[in-house]
Amino acid sequence: MAPAVDNWLARGYLAVVAVSLVFFLVAAYLLPDPGFAGIWPLMTTAPLSIVALLVSAPAEWASSLAWLSPLLFSAGAALSGLFNAVLLGRLARALRPREARPAA
């Protein structure tokens, strides 16, 4: 979990993911026509969010569980974003210039 929050690149990415998820949840539950609001979390957390979309699809088809589909998709997209942030954090750490150490 530390690589997900130990640099500004990963923190900024997590902020973008959080904003997209909040926008999606507000549109899904409060607006009369959410339209394509789900595209923002899907695109910000791709490619793993495709799995979240596939997991939440059966809840959409069941009429009694239709309210659960946005929550399942949001949880899956949040986990996807967290995983992507860890990867970004590790990449940023690997690309960080090393300090020169004196030979002892």
C-alpha atoms as a PDB file:
ATOM      1  CA  MET A   1       0.000   0.000   0.000  1.00  0.00           C
ATOM      2  CA  ALA A   2       2.883   2.395   0.623  1.00  0.00           C
ATOM      3  CA  PRO A   3       3.754   2.805  -3.101  1.00  0.00           C
ATOM      4  CA  ALA A   4       0.196   4.016  -3.715  1.00  0.00           C
ATOM      5  CA  VAL A   5       0.619   7.095  -1.539  1.00  0.00           C
ATOM      6  CA  ASP A   6       4.341   7.767  -1.163  1.00  0.00           C
ATOM      7  CA  ASN A   7       4.741  10.043  -4.204  1.00  0.00           C
ATOM      8  CA  TRP A   8       2.825  12.842  -5.873  1.00  0.00           C
ATOM      9  CA  LEU A   9       2.167  10.960  -9.094  1.00  0.00           C
ATOM     10  CA  ALA A  10       0.274   8.160  -7.364  1.00  0.00           C
ATOM     11  CA  ARG A  11      -1.551  10.584  -5.030  1.00  0.00           C
ATOM     12  CA  GLY A  12      -2.657  12.696  -7.972  1.00  0.00           C
ATOM     13  CA  TYR A  13      -3.882   9.597  -9.784  1.00  0.00           C
ATOM     14  CA  LEU A  14      -5.867   8.507  -6.720  1.00  0.00           C
ATOM     15  CA  ALA A  15      -7.420  11.974  -6.526  1.00  0.00           C
ATOM     16  CA  VAL A  16      -8.538  11.737 -10.159  1.00  0.00           C
ATOM     17  CA  VAL A  17      -9.993   8.274  -9.509  1.00  0.00           C
ATOM     18  CA  ALA A  18     -11.845   9.538  -6.419  1.00  0.00           C
ATOM     19  CA  VAL A  19     -13.336  12.495  -8.320  1.00  0.00           C
ATOM     20  CA  SER A  20     -14.472  10.247 -11.164  1.00  0.00           C
ATOM     21  CA  LEU A  21     -16.080   7.779  -8.742  1.00  0.00           C
ATOM     22  CA  VAL A  22     -17.886  10.518  -6.821  1.00  0.00           C
ATOM     23  CA  PHE A  23     -19.172  11.988 -10.072  1.00  0.00           C
ATOM     24  CA  PHE A  24     -20.379   8.545 -11.171  1.00  0.00           C
ATOM     25  CA  LEU A  25     -22.158   7.810  -7.887  1.00  0.00           C
ATOM     26  CA  VAL A  26     -23.845  11.225  -7.818  1.00  0.00           C
ATOM     27  CA  ALA A  27     -24.979  10.773 -11.417  1.00  0.00           C
ATOM     28  CA  ALA A  28     -26.151   7.190 -10.847  1.00  0.00           C
ATOM     29  CA  TYR A  29     -28.178   7.859  -7.704  1.00  0.00           C
ATOM     30  CA  LEU A  30     -29.209  11.512  -7.810  1.00  0.00           C
ATOM     31  CA  LEU A  31     -29.557  12.603 -11.422  1.00  0.00           C
ATOM     32  CA  PRO A  32     -32.634  11.549 -13.410  1.00  0.00           C
ATOM     33  CA  ASP A  33     -30.537  10.516 -16.440  1.00  0.00           C
ATOM     34  CA  PRO A  34     -26.933   9.543 -15.659  1.00  0.00           C
ATOM     35  CA  GLY A  35     -26.096   9.051 -19.333  1.00  0.00           C
ATOM     36  CA  PHE A  36     -22.516   7.975 -19.800  1.00  0.00           C
ATOM     37  CA  ALA A  37     -21.299   8.871 -16.297  1.00  0.00           C
ATOM     38  CA  GLY A  38     -19.750   5.416 -15.886  1.00  0.00           C
ATOM     39  CA  ILE A  39     -17.223   6.087 -18.623  1.00  0.00           C
ATOM     40  CA  TRP A  40     -15.103   8.327 -16.351  1.00  0.00           C
ATOM     41  CA  PRO A  41     -14.249   5.738 -13.693  1.00  0.00           C
ATOM     42  CA  LEU A  42     -13.952   3.111 -16.425  1.00  0.00           C
ATOM     43  CA  MET A  43     -11.361   5.131 -18.325  1.00  0.00           C
ATOM     44  CA  THR A  44      -9.422   6.384 -15.308  1.00  0.00           C
ATOM     45  CA  THR A  45      -8.963   2.895 -13.877  1.00  0.00           C
ATOM     46  CA  ALA A  46      -8.537   0.901 -17.102  1.00  0.00           C
ATOM     47  CA  PRO A  47      -7.648  -1.906 -17.877  1.00  0.00           C
ATOM     48  CA  LEU A  48      -8.690  -3.592 -14.611  1.00  0.00           C
ATOM     49  CA  SER A  49     -11.981  -1.728 -14.431  1.00  0.00           C
ATOM     50  CA  ILE A  50     -13.220  -3.854 -17.320  1.00  0.00           C
ATOM     51  CA  VAL A  51     -13.343  -6.728 -14.819  1.00  0.00           C
ATOM     52  CA  ALA A  52     -15.332  -4.529 -12.412  1.00  0.00           C
ATOM     53  CA  LEU A  53     -17.782  -3.796 -15.204  1.00  0.00           C
ATOM     54  CA  LEU A  54     -18.204  -7.508 -15.957  1.00  0.00           C
ATOM     55  CA  VAL A  55     -18.741  -8.345 -12.270  1.00  0.00           C
ATOM     56  CA  SER A  56     -21.398  -5.667 -11.805  1.00  0.00           C
ATOM     57  CA  ALA A  57     -23.318  -6.513 -14.992  1.00  0.00           C
ATOM     58  CA  PRO A  58     -25.360  -9.459 -13.585  1.00  0.00           C
ATOM     59  CA  ALA A  59     -26.682  -7.246 -10.784  1.00  0.00           C
ATOM     60  CA  GLU A  60     -27.955  -4.827 -13.425  1.00  0.00           C
ATOM     61  CA  TRP A  61     -29.944  -7.561 -15.168  1.00  0.00           C
ATOM     62  CA  ALA A  62     -31.765  -8.679 -12.015  1.00  0.00           C
ATOM     63  CA  SER A  63     -34.589  -6.224 -11.423  1.00  0.00           C
ATOM     64  CA  SER A  64     -34.437  -6.509  -7.632  1.00  0.00           C
ATOM     65  CA  LEU A  65     -30.665  -5.889  -7.507  1.00  0.00           C
ATOM     66  CA  ALA A  66     -30.387  -3.023  -9.998  1.00  0.00           C
ATOM     67  CA  TRP A  67     -29.532  -0.555  -7.206  1.00  0.00           C
ATOM     68  CA  LEU A  68     -26.488  -2.690  -6.283  1.00  0.00           C
ATOM     69  CA  SER A  69     -24.813  -2.505  -9.686  1.00  0.00           C
ATOM     70  CA  PRO A  70     -23.362   1.034  -9.301  1.00  0.00           C
ATOM     71  CA  LEU A  71     -21.983   0.126  -5.878  1.00  0.00           C
ATOM     72  CA  LEU A  72     -20.331  -3.047  -7.168  1.00  0.00           C
ATOM     73  CA  PHE A  73     -18.864  -1.188 -10.119  1.00  0.00           C
ATOM     74  CA  SER A  74     -17.596   1.613  -7.858  1.00  0.00           C
ATOM     75  CA  ALA A  75     -15.954  -0.830  -5.463  1.00  0.00           C
ATOM     76  CA  GLY A  76     -14.298  -2.682  -8.341  1.00  0.00           C
ATOM     77  CA  ALA A  77     -13.145   0.554  -9.945  1.00  0.00           C
ATOM     78  CA  ALA A  78     -11.758   1.786  -6.610  1.00  0.00           C
ATOM     79  CA  LEU A  79      -9.756  -1.421  -6.190  1.00  0.00           C
ATOM     80  CA  SER A  80      -8.558  -1.141  -9.781  1.00  0.00           C
ATOM     81  CA  GLY A  81      -7.484   2.444  -9.176  1.00  0.00           C
ATOM     82  CA  LEU A  82      -5.641   1.440  -6.017  1.00  0.00           C
ATOM     83  CA  PHE A  83      -3.807  -1.317  -7.871  1.00  0.00           C
ATOM     84  CA  ASN A  84      -2.890   1.099 -10.672  1.00  0.00           C
ATOM     85  CA  ALA A  85      -1.667   3.632  -8.097  1.00  0.00           C
ATOM     86  CA  VAL A  86       0.615   0.996  -6.580  1.00  0.00           C
ATOM     87  CA  LEU A  87       2.033   0.296 -10.035  1.00  0.00           C
ATOM     88  CA  LEU A  88       2.527   4.028 -10.660  1.00  0.00           C
ATOM     89  CA  GLY A  89       4.219   4.419  -7.284  1.00  0.00           C
ATOM     90  CA  ARG A  90       6.608   1.567  -7.987  1.00  0.00           C
ATOM     91  CA  LEU A  91       7.390   2.994 -11.412  1.00  0.00           C
ATOM     92  CA  ALA A  92       8.060   6.433  -9.934  1.00  0.00           C
ATOM     93  CA  ARG A  93      10.305   4.882  -7.299  1.00  0.00           C
ATOM     94  CA  ALA A  94      12.220   2.915  -9.940  1.00  0.00           C
ATOM     95  CA  LEU A  95      12.726   6.003 -12.107  1.00  0.00           C
ATOM     96  CA  ARG A  96      13.816   8.215  -9.196  1.00  0.00           C
ATOM     97  CA  PRO A  97      17.498   9.154  -9.489  1.00  0.00           C
ATOM     98  CA  ARG A  98      19.674   7.420  -6.945  1.00  0.00           C
ATOM     99  CA  GLU A  99      21.836   9.392  -4.563  1.00  0.00           C
ATOM    100  CA  ALA A 100      25.547   8.989  -5.026  1.00  0.00           C
ATOM    101  CA  ARG A 101      27.085   7.175  -2.062  1.00  0.00           C
ATOM    102  CA  PRO A 102      30.723   7.642  -1.191  1.00  0.00           C
ATOM    103  CA  ALA A 103      32.848   4.533  -1.462  1.00  0.00           C
ATOM    104  CA  ALA A 104      33.910   3.329   1.944  1.00  0.00           C
END
